Amino acid sequence: MGEVVNLNRFRKARAKAEQEKLAEENRAKHGRTKSEKAKAGTEQDRSDRDLDGKKLT
C-alpha cells in the first residue's frame, strides 16, 4: 500500500509555496533602490532616443 498523506498538510504546503513564489516576484519588481530605478529610466530614455533617431521619415 501507499504512504498515508495528510491532505490538509499537503494543501498548506502547496499554498505556502505559491505565496513564496509571489513574494519572490514582488521583491524583484518592487525591491529596487532609488538609484537602480533612476539608472533603468536613464537607459530606457537613451534607447528610446536611439530608436527615434533611426526612424525613417
N, C-alpha and C. Protein backbone atom coordinates (compact mmCIF):
# COMPACT_ATOMS: atom_id res chain seq x y z
N MET A 1 0.83 -1.18 0.00
CA MET A 1 0.00 0.00 0.00
C MET A 1 0.87 1.24 0.00
N GLY A 2 0.23 2.33 -0.41
CA GLY A 2 0.95 3.59 -0.46
C GLY A 2 1.09 4.23 0.90
N GLU A 3 1.82 5.29 0.91
CA GLU A 3 2.06 6.02 2.15
C GLU A 3 0.85 6.89 2.49
N VAL A 4 0.51 6.98 3.74
CA VAL A 4 -0.61 7.80 4.18
C VAL A 4 -0.18 9.27 4.15
N VAL A 5 -1.04 10.11 3.53
CA VAL A 5 -0.70 11.52 3.37
C VAL A 5 -1.79 12.36 4.03
N ASN A 6 -1.38 13.33 4.81
CA ASN A 6 -2.31 14.28 5.42
C ASN A 6 -2.62 15.35 4.37
N LEU A 7 -3.85 15.35 3.85
CA LEU A 7 -4.21 16.27 2.77
C LEU A 7 -4.19 17.73 3.22
N ASN A 8 -4.56 17.98 4.46
CA ASN A 8 -4.55 19.35 4.96
C ASN A 8 -3.12 19.89 4.97
N ARG A 9 -2.19 19.08 5.41
CA ARG A 9 -0.78 19.49 5.43
C ARG A 9 -0.26 19.71 4.01
N PHE A 10 -0.70 18.84 3.10
CA PHE A 10 -0.29 18.97 1.70
C PHE A 10 -0.81 20.28 1.10
N ARG A 11 -2.09 20.61 1.36
CA ARG A 11 -2.66 21.86 0.84
C ARG A 11 -1.93 23.08 1.40
N LYS A 12 -1.64 23.05 2.69
CA LYS A 12 -0.94 24.17 3.31
C LYS A 12 0.46 24.34 2.72
N ALA A 13 1.14 23.24 2.48
CA ALA A 13 2.49 23.31 1.90
C ALA A 13 2.43 23.88 0.49
N ARG A 14 1.42 23.47 -0.28
CA ARG A 14 1.29 23.98 -1.65
C ARG A 14 0.98 25.48 -1.62
N ALA A 15 0.09 25.91 -0.73
CA ALA A 15 -0.26 27.33 -0.63
C ALA A 15 0.96 28.16 -0.21
N LYS A 16 1.76 27.62 0.71
CA LYS A 16 2.95 28.34 1.15
C LYS A 16 3.95 28.49 0.01
N ALA A 17 4.08 27.45 -0.81
CA ALA A 17 4.99 27.52 -1.95
C ALA A 17 4.53 28.57 -2.96
N GLU A 18 3.22 28.66 -3.19
CA GLU A 18 2.69 29.67 -4.10
C GLU A 18 2.92 31.07 -3.55
N GLN A 19 2.74 31.25 -2.25
CA GLN A 19 2.97 32.56 -1.64
C GLN A 19 4.43 32.96 -1.73
N GLU A 20 5.33 32.00 -1.56
CA GLU A 20 6.76 32.30 -1.67
C GLU A 20 7.12 32.72 -3.09
N LYS A 21 6.51 32.06 -4.08
CA LYS A 21 6.77 32.42 -5.48
C LYS A 21 6.29 33.85 -5.75
N LEU A 22 5.11 34.18 -5.26
CA LEU A 22 4.57 35.52 -5.45
C LEU A 22 5.44 36.56 -4.74
N ALA A 23 5.91 36.23 -3.55
CA ALA A 23 6.77 37.15 -2.81
C ALA A 23 8.08 37.38 -3.55
N GLU A 24 8.63 36.34 -4.15
CA GLU A 24 9.88 36.48 -4.91
C GLU A 24 9.67 37.41 -6.11
N GLU A 25 8.53 37.24 -6.81
CA GLU A 25 8.24 38.12 -7.94
C GLU A 25 8.08 39.56 -7.49
N ASN A 26 7.41 39.78 -6.36
CA ASN A 26 7.22 41.14 -5.86
C ASN A 26 8.53 41.77 -5.42
N ARG A 27 9.41 40.97 -4.83
CA ARG A 27 10.72 41.51 -4.44
C ARG A 27 11.50 41.95 -5.67
N ALA A 28 11.41 41.18 -6.73
CA ALA A 28 12.12 41.54 -7.96
C ALA A 28 11.52 42.80 -8.58
N LYS A 29 10.20 42.92 -8.51
CA LYS A 29 9.53 44.05 -9.15
C LYS A 29 9.66 45.34 -8.35
N HIS A 30 9.47 45.27 -7.04
CA HIS A 30 9.39 46.47 -6.22
C HIS A 30 10.60 46.70 -5.32
N GLY A 31 11.49 45.77 -5.24
CA GLY A 31 12.57 45.86 -4.28
C GLY A 31 13.84 46.51 -4.83
N ARG A 32 13.68 47.52 -5.66
CA ARG A 32 14.86 48.19 -6.21
C ARG A 32 15.11 49.50 -5.47
N THR A 33 16.37 49.89 -5.42
CA THR A 33 16.70 51.15 -4.79
C THR A 33 16.38 52.31 -5.72
N LYS A 34 16.41 53.51 -5.18
CA LYS A 34 16.11 54.69 -5.98
C LYS A 34 17.13 54.86 -7.11
N SER A 35 18.39 54.58 -6.82
CA SER A 35 19.43 54.72 -7.84
C SER A 35 19.27 53.68 -8.95
N GLU A 36 18.83 52.46 -8.59
CA GLU A 36 18.61 51.44 -9.61
C GLU A 36 17.45 51.83 -10.53
N LYS A 37 16.40 52.41 -9.94
CA LYS A 37 15.26 52.86 -10.74
C LYS A 37 15.69 54.00 -11.67
N ALA A 38 16.49 54.91 -11.16
CA ALA A 38 16.95 56.04 -11.97
C ALA A 38 17.83 55.56 -13.11
N LYS A 39 18.69 54.61 -12.83
CA LYS A 39 19.57 54.07 -13.87
C LYS A 39 18.75 53.37 -14.95
N ALA A 40 17.75 52.60 -14.57
CA ALA A 40 16.90 51.92 -15.54
C ALA A 40 16.14 52.95 -16.39
N GLY A 41 15.66 54.02 -15.76
CA GLY A 41 14.97 55.08 -16.51
C GLY A 41 15.89 55.76 -17.50
N THR A 42 17.11 56.03 -17.09
CA THR A 42 18.09 56.66 -17.98
C THR A 42 18.40 55.76 -19.16
N GLU A 43 18.58 54.47 -18.91
CA GLU A 43 18.86 53.53 -20.00
C GLU A 43 17.67 53.45 -20.96
N GLN A 44 16.45 53.48 -20.42
CA GLN A 44 15.26 53.43 -21.27
C GLN A 44 15.18 54.69 -22.13
N ASP A 45 15.45 55.86 -21.55
CA ASP A 45 15.43 57.11 -22.32
C ASP A 45 16.46 57.08 -23.43
N ARG A 46 17.66 56.58 -23.11
CA ARG A 46 18.73 56.51 -24.11
C ARG A 46 18.33 55.60 -25.27
N SER A 47 17.75 54.45 -24.95
CA SER A 47 17.36 53.53 -26.02
C SER A 47 16.21 54.10 -26.84
N ASP A 48 15.29 54.83 -26.20
CA ASP A 48 14.19 55.47 -26.94
C ASP A 48 14.72 56.54 -27.90
N ARG A 49 15.66 57.35 -27.43
CA ARG A 49 16.24 58.38 -28.32
C ARG A 49 16.98 57.74 -29.46
N ASP A 50 17.71 56.67 -29.19
CA ASP A 50 18.47 55.98 -30.22
C ASP A 50 17.53 55.42 -31.28
N LEU A 51 16.42 54.84 -30.84
CA LEU A 51 15.45 54.27 -31.76
C LEU A 51 14.76 55.37 -32.57
N ASP A 52 14.43 56.50 -31.92
CA ASP A 52 13.81 57.61 -32.63
C ASP A 52 14.74 58.18 -33.69
N GLY A 53 16.02 58.18 -33.40
CA GLY A 53 16.99 58.70 -34.37
C GLY A 53 17.14 57.81 -35.58
N LYS A 54 16.76 56.58 -35.50
CA LYS A 54 16.90 55.64 -36.62
C LYS A 54 15.63 55.51 -37.45
N LYS A 55 14.58 56.24 -37.06
CA LYS A 55 13.32 56.15 -37.81
C LYS A 55 13.45 56.82 -39.16
N LEU A 56 12.80 56.25 -40.12
CA LEU A 56 12.76 56.84 -41.45
C LEU A 56 11.56 57.77 -41.52
N THR A 57 11.74 58.92 -42.14
CA THR A 57 10.62 59.86 -42.24
C THR A 57 10.00 59.85 -43.59
